[in-house]
PDB file of N, CA and C in Angstrom:
ATOM      1  N   MET A   1     -13.926   4.703   7.597  1.00  0.00           N
ATOM      2  CA  MET A   1     -14.211   5.321   6.312  1.00  0.00           C
ATOM      3  C   MET A   1     -14.766   4.260   5.372  1.00  0.00           C
ATOM      4  N   GLU A   2     -15.559   4.713   4.449  1.00  0.00           N
ATOM      5  CA  GLU A   2     -16.153   3.832   3.453  1.00  0.00           C
ATOM      6  C   GLU A   2     -15.956   4.443   2.071  1.00  0.00           C
ATOM      7  N   ILE A   3     -16.011   3.592   1.048  1.00  0.00           N
ATOM      8  CA  ILE A   3     -15.867   4.032  -0.337  1.00  0.00           C
ATOM      9  C   ILE A   3     -17.254   4.102  -0.966  1.00  0.00           C
ATOM     10  N   GLY A   4     -17.500   5.156  -1.715  1.00  0.00           N
ATOM     11  CA  GLY A   4     -18.772   5.296  -2.406  1.00  0.00           C
ATOM     12  C   GLY A   4     -18.604   6.055  -3.705  1.00  0.00           C
ATOM     13  N   ARG A   5     -19.696   6.160  -4.445  1.00  0.00           N
ATOM     14  CA  ARG A   5     -19.690   6.908  -5.697  1.00  0.00           C
ATOM     15  C   ARG A   5     -20.811   7.940  -5.656  1.00  0.00           C
ATOM     16  N   VAL A   6     -20.488   9.151  -6.094  1.00  0.00           N
ATOM     17  CA  VAL A   6     -21.484  10.223  -6.146  1.00  0.00           C
ATOM     18  C   VAL A   6     -22.380   9.981  -7.351  1.00  0.00           C
ATOM     19  N   ILE A   7     -23.706   9.911  -7.097  1.00  0.00           N
ATOM     20  CA  ILE A   7     -24.623   9.654  -8.210  1.00  0.00           C
ATOM     21  C   ILE A   7     -25.641  10.773  -8.409  1.00  0.00           C
ATOM     22  N   GLY A   8     -25.606  11.790  -7.547  1.00  0.00           N
ATOM     23  CA  GLY A   8     -26.555  12.883  -7.729  1.00  0.00           C
ATOM     24  C   GLY A   8     -26.387  13.981  -6.696  1.00  0.00           C
ATOM     25  N   ASN A   9     -27.229  14.992  -6.803  1.00  0.00           N
ATOM     26  CA  ASN A   9     -27.238  16.137  -5.900  1.00  0.00           C
ATOM     27  C   ASN A   9     -28.579  16.212  -5.192  1.00  0.00           C
ATOM     28  N   VAL A  10     -28.594  16.856  -4.030  1.00  0.00           N
ATOM     29  CA  VAL A  10     -29.829  17.111  -3.294  1.00  0.00           C
ATOM     30  C   VAL A  10     -29.957  18.618  -3.108  1.00  0.00           C
ATOM     31  N   TRP A  11     -31.129  19.158  -3.438  1.00  0.00           N
ATOM     32  CA  TRP A  11     -31.414  20.562  -3.181  1.00  0.00           C
ATOM     33  C   TRP A  11     -32.597  20.612  -2.240  1.00  0.00           C
ATOM     34  N   ALA A  12     -32.476  21.404  -1.176  1.00  0.00           N
ATOM     35  CA  ALA A  12     -33.563  21.565  -0.218  1.00  0.00           C
ATOM     36  C   ALA A  12     -33.630  23.037   0.177  1.00  0.00           C
ATOM     37  N   THR A  13     -34.758  23.677  -0.122  1.00  0.00           N
ATOM     38  CA  THR A  13     -34.873  25.096   0.206  1.00  0.00           C
ATOM     39  C   THR A  13     -35.178  25.301   1.680  1.00  0.00           C
ATOM     40  N   LYS A  14     -35.922  24.385   2.285  1.00  0.00           N
ATOM     41  CA  LYS A  14     -36.208  24.464   3.716  1.00  0.00           C
ATOM     42  C   LYS A  14     -35.420  23.370   4.419  1.00  0.00           C
ATOM     43  N   LYS A  15     -34.551  23.791   5.345  1.00  0.00           N
ATOM     44  CA  LYS A  15     -33.705  22.829   6.047  1.00  0.00           C
ATOM     45  C   LYS A  15     -33.232  23.411   7.364  1.00  0.00           C
ATOM     46  N   ASP A  16     -32.658  22.581   8.207  1.00  0.00           N
ATOM     47  CA  ASP A  16     -32.100  23.013   9.481  1.00  0.00           C
ATOM     48  C   ASP A  16     -30.992  24.031   9.231  1.00  0.00           C
ATOM     49  N   GLU A  17     -30.914  25.040  10.095  1.00  0.00           N
ATOM     50  CA  GLU A  17     -29.883  26.077   9.946  1.00  0.00           C
ATOM     51  C   GLU A  17     -28.474  25.489   9.925  1.00  0.00           C
ATOM     52  N   GLY A  18     -28.271  24.388  10.634  1.00  0.00           N
ATOM     53  CA  GLY A  18     -26.948  23.774  10.717  1.00  0.00           C
ATOM     54  C   GLY A  18     -26.409  23.282   9.389  1.00  0.00           C
ATOM     55  N   ILE A  19     -27.304  22.951   8.457  1.00  0.00           N
ATOM     56  CA  ILE A  19     -26.825  22.489   7.146  1.00  0.00           C
ATOM     57  C   ILE A  19     -27.053  23.526   6.049  1.00  0.00           C
ATOM     58  N   SER A  20     -27.463  24.704   6.441  1.00  0.00           N
ATOM     59  CA  SER A  20     -27.630  25.776   5.469  1.00  0.00           C
ATOM     60  C   SER A  20     -26.273  26.092   4.843  1.00  0.00           C
ATOM     61  N   GLY A  21     -26.226  26.111   3.530  1.00  0.00           N
ATOM     62  CA  GLY A  21     -24.978  26.383   2.821  1.00  0.00           C
ATOM     63  C   GLY A  21     -24.153  25.147   2.522  1.00  0.00           C
ATOM     64  N   GLN A  22     -24.571  23.986   3.038  1.00  0.00           N
ATOM     65  CA  GLN A  22     -23.843  22.745   2.771  1.00  0.00           C
ATOM     66  C   GLN A  22     -24.234  22.184   1.410  1.00  0.00           C
ATOM     67  N   LYS A  23     -23.247  21.690   0.663  1.00  0.00           N
ATOM     68  CA  LYS A  23     -23.517  20.982  -0.576  1.00  0.00           C
ATOM     69  C   LYS A  23     -23.866  19.549  -0.191  1.00  0.00           C
ATOM     70  N   LEU A  24     -25.006  19.055  -0.671  1.00  0.00           N
ATOM     71  CA  LEU A  24     -25.460  17.710  -0.333  1.00  0.00           C
ATOM     72  C   LEU A  24     -25.439  16.825  -1.574  1.00  0.00           C
ATOM     73  N   LEU A  25     -24.852  15.649  -1.436  1.00  0.00           N
ATOM     74  CA  LEU A  25     -24.699  14.720  -2.552  1.00  0.00           C
ATOM     75  C   LEU A  25     -25.359  13.382  -2.242  1.00  0.00           C
ATOM     76  N   VAL A  26     -25.886  12.734  -3.271  1.00  0.00           N
ATOM     77  CA  VAL A  26     -26.416  11.380  -3.143  1.00  0.00           C
ATOM     78  C   VAL A  26     -25.257  10.424  -3.411  1.00  0.00           C
ATOM     79  N   ILE A  27     -25.014   9.504  -2.461  1.00  0.00           N
ATOM     80  CA  ILE A  27     -23.880   8.578  -2.530  1.00  0.00           C
ATOM     81  C   ILE A  27     -24.376   7.150  -2.533  1.00  0.00           C
ATOM     82  N   ASN A  28     -23.803   6.314  -3.391  1.00  0.00           N
ATOM     83  CA  ASN A  28     -23.964   4.863  -3.341  1.00  0.00           C
ATOM     84  C   ASN A  28     -22.726   4.335  -2.642  1.00  0.00           C
ATOM     85  N   VAL A  29     -22.877   3.782  -1.446  1.00  0.00           N
ATOM     86  CA  VAL A  29     -21.741   3.285  -0.675  1.00  0.00           C
ATOM     87  C   VAL A  29     -21.486   1.831  -1.047  1.00  0.00           C
ATOM     88  N   MET A  30     -20.215   1.484  -1.292  1.00  0.00           N
ATOM     89  CA  MET A  30     -19.872   0.120  -1.690  1.00  0.00           C
ATOM     90  C   MET A  30     -19.978  -0.831  -0.511  1.00  0.00           C
ATOM     91  N   LYS A  31     -20.474  -2.045  -0.767  1.00  0.00           N
ATOM     92  CA  LYS A  31     -20.541  -3.063   0.273  1.00  0.00           C
ATOM     93  C   LYS A  31     -19.483  -4.129   0.043  1.00  0.00           C
ATOM     94  N   GLY A  32     -18.931  -4.192  -1.131  1.00  0.00           N
ATOM     95  CA  GLY A  32     -17.896  -5.159  -1.470  1.00  0.00           C
ATOM     96  C   GLY A  32     -17.178  -4.679  -2.708  1.00  0.00           C
ATOM     97  N   LEU A  33     -16.236  -5.425  -3.158  1.00  0.00           N
ATOM     98  CA  LEU A  33     -15.430  -5.044  -4.300  1.00  0.00           C
ATOM     99  C   LEU A  33     -16.296  -4.800  -5.531  1.00  0.00           C
ATOM    100  N   GLY A  34     -16.463  -3.515  -5.877  1.00  0.00           N
ATOM    101  CA  GLY A  34     -17.231  -3.149  -7.065  1.00  0.00           C
ATOM    102  C   GLY A  34     -18.737  -3.263  -6.909  1.00  0.00           C
ATOM    103  N   GLN A  35     -19.216  -3.630  -5.711  1.00  0.00           N
ATOM    104  CA  GLN A  35     -20.647  -3.769  -5.486  1.00  0.00           C
ATOM    105  C   GLN A  35     -21.129  -2.607  -4.639  1.00  0.00           C
ATOM    106  N   GLU A  36     -22.184  -1.965  -5.069  1.00  0.00           N
ATOM    107  CA  GLU A  36     -22.730  -0.850  -4.317  1.00  0.00           C
ATOM    108  C   GLU A  36     -23.979  -1.290  -3.578  1.00  0.00           C
ATOM    109  N   LYS A  37     -24.236  -0.700  -2.438  1.00  0.00           N
ATOM    110  CA  LYS A  37     -25.430  -1.010  -1.660  1.00  0.00           C
ATOM    111  C   LYS A  37     -26.667  -0.588  -2.434  1.00  0.00           C
ATOM    112  N   GLU A  38     -27.787  -1.198  -2.098  1.00  0.00           N
ATOM    113  CA  GLU A  38     -29.031  -0.861  -2.780  1.00  0.00           C
ATOM    114  C   GLU A  38     -29.651   0.418  -2.248  1.00  0.00           C
ATOM    115  N   SER A  39     -29.327   0.796  -1.011  1.00  0.00           N
ATOM    116  CA  SER A  39     -29.896   2.017  -0.454  1.00  0.00           C
ATOM    117  C   SER A  39     -28.982   3.204  -0.741  1.00  0.00           C
ATOM    118  N   LEU A  40     -29.562   4.374  -0.864  1.00  0.00           N
ATOM    119  CA  LEU A  40     -28.802   5.575  -1.154  1.00  0.00           C
ATOM    120  C   LEU A  40     -28.611   6.379   0.121  1.00  0.00           C
ATOM    121  N   MET A  41     -27.494   7.108   0.207  1.00  0.00           N
ATOM    122  CA  MET A  41     -27.185   7.944   1.364  1.00  0.00           C
ATOM    123  C   MET A  41     -26.998   9.382   0.878  1.00  0.00           C
ATOM    124  N   VAL A  42     -27.251  10.339   1.749  1.00  0.00           N
ATOM    125  CA  VAL A  42     -26.991  11.744   1.449  1.00  0.00           C
ATOM    126  C   VAL A  42     -25.821  12.184   2.313  1.00  0.00           C
ATOM    127  N   ALA A  43     -24.814  12.792   1.685  1.00  0.00           N
ATOM    128  CA  ALA A  43     -23.612  13.220   2.396  1.00  0.00           C
ATOM    129  C   ALA A  43     -23.373  14.706   2.195  1.00  0.00           C
ATOM    130  N   ALA A  44     -22.901  15.350   3.254  1.00  0.00           N
ATOM    131  CA  ALA A  44     -22.436  16.733   3.136  1.00  0.00           C
ATOM    132  C   ALA A  44     -21.070  16.690   2.473  1.00  0.00           C
ATOM    133  N   ASP A  45     -20.803  17.629   1.583  1.00  0.00           N
ATOM    134  CA  ASP A  45     -19.547  17.637   0.830  1.00  0.00           C
ATOM    135  C   ASP A  45     -18.785  18.933   1.073  1.00  0.00           C
ATOM    136  N   VAL A  46     -17.626  18.825   1.700  1.00  0.00           N
ATOM    137  CA  VAL A  46     -16.766  19.993   1.923  1.00  0.00           C
ATOM    138  C   VAL A  46     -15.538  19.946   1.021  1.00  0.00           C
ATOM    139  N   ILE A  47     -15.446  18.902   0.197  1.00  0.00           N
ATOM    140  CA  ILE A  47     -14.272  18.669  -0.645  1.00  0.00           C
ATOM    141  C   ILE A  47     -14.465  19.209  -2.065  1.00  0.00           C
ATOM    142  N   GLY A  48     -15.689  19.164  -2.571  1.00  0.00           N
ATOM    143  CA  GLY A  48     -15.949  19.604  -3.942  1.00  0.00           C
ATOM    144  C   GLY A  48     -16.093  18.453  -4.917  1.00  0.00           C
ATOM    145  N   ALA A  49     -16.627  17.334  -4.453  1.00  0.00           N
ATOM    146  CA  ALA A  49     -16.828  16.166  -5.320  1.00  0.00           C
ATOM    147  C   ALA A  49     -17.968  16.433  -6.300  1.00  0.00           C
ATOM    148  N   GLY A  50     -17.976  15.662  -7.378  1.00  0.00           N
ATOM    149  CA  GLY A  50     -19.019  15.798  -8.385  1.00  0.00           C
ATOM    150  C   GLY A  50     -19.586  14.455  -8.776  1.00  0.00           C
ATOM    151  N   ILE A  51     -20.629  14.481  -9.564  1.00  0.00           N
ATOM    152  CA  ILE A  51     -21.284  13.249 -10.010  1.00  0.00           C
ATOM    153  C   ILE A  51     -20.277  12.376 -10.752  1.00  0.00           C
ATOM    154  N   GLY A  52     -20.260  11.093 -10.383  1.00  0.00           N
ATOM    155  CA  GLY A  52     -19.349  10.125 -10.984  1.00  0.00           C
ATOM    156  C   GLY A  52     -18.073   9.929 -10.190  1.00  0.00           C
ATOM    157  N   ASP A  53     -17.740  10.846  -9.286  1.00  0.00           N
ATOM    158  CA  ASP A  53     -16.522  10.713  -8.487  1.00  0.00           C
ATOM    159  C   ASP A  53     -16.643   9.572  -7.488  1.00  0.00           C
ATOM    160  N   MET A  54     -15.546   8.832  -7.315  1.00  0.00           N
ATOM    161  CA  MET A  54     -15.448   7.851  -6.245  1.00  0.00           C
ATOM    162  C   MET A  54     -14.886   8.598  -5.044  1.00  0.00           C
ATOM    163  N   VAL A  55     -15.500   8.420  -3.875  1.00  0.00           N
ATOM    164  CA  VAL A  55     -15.155   9.223  -2.709  1.00  0.00           C
ATOM    165  C   VAL A  55     -14.991   8.368  -1.454  1.00  0.00           C
ATOM    166  N   LEU A  56     -14.306   8.946  -0.459  1.00  0.00           N
ATOM    167  CA  LEU A  56     -14.264   8.380   0.885  1.00  0.00           C
ATOM    168  C   LEU A  56     -15.262   9.151   1.725  1.00  0.00           C
ATOM    169  N   VAL A  57     -16.068   8.438   2.496  1.00  0.00           N
ATOM    170  CA  VAL A  57     -17.043   9.078   3.373  1.00  0.00           C
ATOM    171  C   VAL A  57     -16.864   8.582   4.800  1.00  0.00           C
ATOM    172  N   VAL A  58     -17.238   9.433   5.754  1.00  0.00           N
ATOM    173  CA  VAL A  58     -17.242   9.058   7.168  1.00  0.00           C
ATOM    174  C   VAL A  58     -18.646   9.264   7.709  1.00  0.00           C
ATOM    175  N   ARG A  59     -18.974   8.512   8.764  1.00  0.00           N
ATOM    176  CA  ARG A  59     -20.305   8.579   9.371  1.00  0.00           C
ATOM    177  C   ARG A  59     -20.236   9.088  10.803  1.00  0.00           C
ATOM    178  N   GLY A  60     -21.366   9.531  11.312  1.00  0.00           N
ATOM    179  CA  GLY A  60     -21.508   9.874  12.711  1.00  0.00           C
ATOM    180  C   GLY A  60     -20.723  11.098  13.141  1.00  0.00           C
ATOM    181  N   THR A  61     -20.132  11.015  14.337  1.00  0.00           N
ATOM    182  CA  THR A  61     -19.399  12.147  14.899  1.00  0.00           C
ATOM    183  C   THR A  61     -18.286  12.650  13.981  1.00  0.00           C
ATOM    184  N   PRO A  62     -17.476  11.778  13.351  1.00  0.00           N
ATOM    185  CA  PRO A  62     -16.459  12.302  12.431  1.00  0.00           C
ATOM    186  C   PRO A  62     -17.065  13.151  11.311  1.00  0.00           C
ATOM    187  N   ALA A  63     -18.244  12.756  10.809  1.00  0.00           N
ATOM    188  CA  ALA A  63     -18.910  13.543   9.765  1.00  0.00           C
ATOM    189  C   ALA A  63     -19.314  14.909  10.300  1.00  0.00           C
ATOM    190  N   ARG A  64     -19.860  14.950  11.505  1.00  0.00           N
ATOM    191  CA  ARG A  64     -20.267  16.229  12.098  1.00  0.00           C
ATOM    192  C   ARG A  64     -19.063  17.135  12.328  1.00  0.00           C
ATOM    193  N   LEU A  65     -17.942  16.563  12.737  1.00  0.00           N
ATOM    194  CA  LEU A  65     -16.744  17.365  12.986  1.00  0.00           C
ATOM    195  C   LEU A  65     -16.150  17.925  11.697  1.00  0.00           C
ATOM    196  N   VAL A  66     -16.258  17.167  10.608  1.00  0.00           N
ATOM    197  CA  VAL A  66     -15.714  17.618   9.320  1.00  0.00           C
ATOM    198  C   VAL A  66     -16.458  18.853   8.825  1.00  0.00           C
ATOM    199  N   VAL A  67     -17.774  18.884   8.995  1.00  0.00           N
ATOM    200  CA  VAL A  67     -18.563  19.978   8.432  1.00  0.00           C
ATOM    201  C   VAL A  67     -18.829  21.115   9.411  1.00  0.00           C
ATOM    202  N   GLY A  68     -18.527  20.916  10.679  1.00  0.00           N
ATOM    203  CA  GLY A  68     -18.821  21.989  11.634  1.00  0.00           C
ATOM    204  C   GLY A  68     -18.185  21.756  12.980  1.00  0.00           C
ATOM    205  N   ASP A  69     -18.909  22.143  13.992  1.00  0.00           N
ATOM    206  CA  ASP A  69     -18.383  22.099  15.357  1.00  0.00           C
ATOM    207  C   ASP A  69     -18.761  20.837  16.118  1.00  0.00           C
ATOM    208  N   GLY A  70     -19.310  19.859  15.471  1.00  0.00           N
ATOM    209  CA  GLY A  70     -19.738  18.637  16.127  1.00  0.00           C
ATOM    210  C   GLY A  70     -21.219  18.621  16.439  1.00  0.00           C
ATOM    211  N   GLY A  71     -21.875  19.763  16.307  1.00  0.00           N
ATOM    212  CA  GLY A  71     -23.303  19.839  16.558  1.00  0.00           C
ATOM    213  C   GLY A  71     -24.125  19.912  15.284  1.00  0.00           C
ATOM    214  N   THR A  72     -23.466  19.881  14.149  1.00  0.00           N
ATOM    215  CA  THR A  72     -24.146  19.961  12.852  1.00  0.00           C
ATOM    216  C   THR A  72     -24.966  18.690  12.631  1.00  0.00           C
ATOM    217  N   PRO A  73     -26.221  18.800  12.192  1.00  0.00           N
ATOM    218  CA  PRO A  73     -27.061  17.614  11.997  1.00  0.00           C
ATOM    219  C   PRO A  73     -26.725  16.866  10.697  1.00  0.00           C
ATOM    220  N   VAL A  74     -25.558  16.234  10.694  1.00  0.00           N
ATOM    221  CA  VAL A  74     -25.072  15.495   9.523  1.00  0.00           C
ATOM    222  C   VAL A  74     -24.632  14.115   9.986  1.00  0.00           C
ATOM    223  N   ASP A  75     -24.943  13.089   9.214  1.00  0.00           N
ATOM    224  CA  ASP A  75     -24.535  11.734   9.572  1.00  0.00           C
ATOM    225  C   ASP A  75     -23.529  11.140   8.593  1.00  0.00           C
ATOM    226  N   LEU A  76     -23.316  11.780   7.440  1.00  0.00           N
ATOM    227  CA  LEU A  76     -22.380  11.274   6.436  1.00  0.00           C
ATOM    228  C   LEU A  76     -21.705  12.465   5.770  1.00  0.00           C
ATOM    229  N   ALA A  77     -20.383  12.391   5.602  1.00  0.00           N
ATOM    230  CA  ALA A  77     -19.649  13.490   4.966  1.00  0.00           C
ATOM    231  C   ALA A  77     -18.574  12.946   4.042  1.00  0.00           C
ATOM    232  N   VAL A  78     -18.406  13.615   2.913  1.00  0.00           N
ATOM    233  CA  VAL A  78     -17.333  13.281   1.966  1.00  0.00           C
ATOM    234  C   VAL A  78     -16.053  13.913   2.495  1.00  0.00           C
ATOM    235  N   VAL A  79     -14.999  13.090   2.639  1.00  0.00           N
ATOM    236  CA  VAL A  79     -13.732  13.607   3.159  1.00  0.00           C
ATOM    237  C   VAL A  79     -12.593  13.522   2.149  1.00  0.00           C
ATOM    238  N   ALA A  80     -12.797  12.821   1.028  1.00  0.00           N
ATOM    239  CA  ALA A  80     -11.748  12.729   0.004  1.00  0.00           C
ATOM    240  C   ALA A  80     -12.346  12.273  -1.316  1.00  0.00           C
ATOM    241  N   ILE A  81     -11.726  12.711  -2.403  1.00  0.00           N
ATOM    242  CA  ILE A  81     -12.047  12.213  -3.745  1.00  0.00           C
ATOM    243  C   ILE A  81     -10.940  11.237  -4.108  1.00  0.00           C
ATOM    244  N   ILE A  82     -11.321  10.029  -4.482  1.00  0.00           N
ATOM    245  CA  ILE A  82     -10.339   8.990  -4.793  1.00  0.00           C
ATOM    246  C   ILE A  82      -9.852   9.163  -6.230  1.00  0.00           C
ATOM    247  N   ASP A  83      -8.526   9.313  -6.386  1.00  0.00           N
ATOM    248  CA  ASP A  83      -7.933   9.412  -7.721  1.00  0.00           C
ATOM    249  C   ASP A  83      -7.787   8.039  -8.357  1.00  0.00           C
ATOM    250  N   SER A  84      -7.343   7.072  -7.580  1.00  0.00           N
ATOM    251  CA  SER A  84      -7.236   5.707  -8.077  1.00  0.00           C
ATOM    252  C   SER A  84      -7.369   4.747  -6.911  1.00  0.00           C
ATOM    253  N   LEU A  85      -7.749   3.533  -7.231  1.00  0.00           N
ATOM    254  CA  LEU A  85      -7.967   2.509  -6.226  1.00  0.00           C
ATOM    255  C   LEU A  85      -7.285   1.248  -6.720  1.00  0.00           C
ATOM    256  N   ASP A  86      -6.357   0.735  -5.958  1.00  0.00           N
ATOM    257  CA  ASP A  86      -5.597  -0.458  -6.362  1.00  0.00           C
ATOM    258  C   ASP A  86      -5.849  -1.552  -5.341  1.00  0.00           C
ATOM    259  N   ILE A  87      -6.657  -2.520  -5.722  1.00  0.00           N
ATOM    260  CA  ILE A  87      -6.952  -3.658  -4.844  1.00  0.00           C
ATOM    261  C   ILE A  87      -6.509  -4.921  -5.565  1.00  0.00           C
ATOM    262  N   PRO A  88      -5.411  -5.538  -5.085  1.00  0.00           N
ATOM    263  CA  PRO A  88      -4.941  -6.769  -5.735  1.00  0.00           C
ATOM    264  C   PRO A  88      -5.969  -7.878  -5.584  1.00  0.00           C
ATOM    265  N   LYS A  89      -6.033  -8.730  -6.593  1.00  0.00           N
ATOM    266  CA  LYS A  89      -6.927  -9.880  -6.513  1.00  0.00           C
ATOM    267  C   LYS A  89      -6.390 -10.815  -5.433  1.00  0.00           C
ATOM    268  N   PRO A  90      -7.284 -11.408  -4.633  1.00  0.00           N
ATOM    269  CA  PRO A  90      -6.806 -12.309  -3.587  1.00  0.00           C
ATOM    270  C   PRO A  90      -6.168 -13.550  -4.185  1.00  0.00           C
ATOM    271  N   ALA A  91      -5.125 -14.037  -3.529  1.00  0.00           N
ATOM    272  CA  ALA A  91      -4.439 -15.254  -3.997  1.00  0.00           C
ATOM    273  C   ALA A  91      -5.351 -16.449  -3.765  1.00  0.00           C
ATOM    274  N   VAL A  92      -5.297 -17.376  -4.674  1.00  0.00           N
ATOM    275  CA  VAL A  92      -6.088 -18.607  -4.544  1.00  0.00           C
ATOM    276  C   VAL A  92      -5.169 -19.657  -3.941  1.00  0.00           C
ATOM    277  N   TYR A  93      -5.595 -20.184  -2.816  1.00  0.00           N
ATOM    278  CA  TYR A  93      -4.791 -21.205  -2.129  1.00  0.00           C
ATOM    279  C   TYR A  93      -5.366 -22.576  -2.419  1.00  0.00           C
ATOM    280  N   GLU A  94      -4.485 -23.500  -2.736  1.00  0.00           N
ATOM    281  CA  GLU A  94      -4.943 -24.863  -3.038  1.00  0.00           C
ATOM    282  C   GLU A  94      -4.724 -25.757  -1.872  1.00  0.00           C
TER     283      GLU A  94
END
């Protein structure tokens, strides 16, 4: 699983039948503490996340299983909305 932030929505009138009816969100996936990747990802959302939400996403087969029967043409899916995130600062060793 990876942590990301929802930054937008995707609307597509013509699409594969497998993703018909799926809510699609634009996600910035974090690469490090508080740092987001420069590339954007599109995720299927079965949870009901919205713009600004911090979310957990899965890729590949787990994403396909979350949204359907494993044959759905999806590579990223939102599986949770994060209420809070507590990451202690690393200890400095001398």
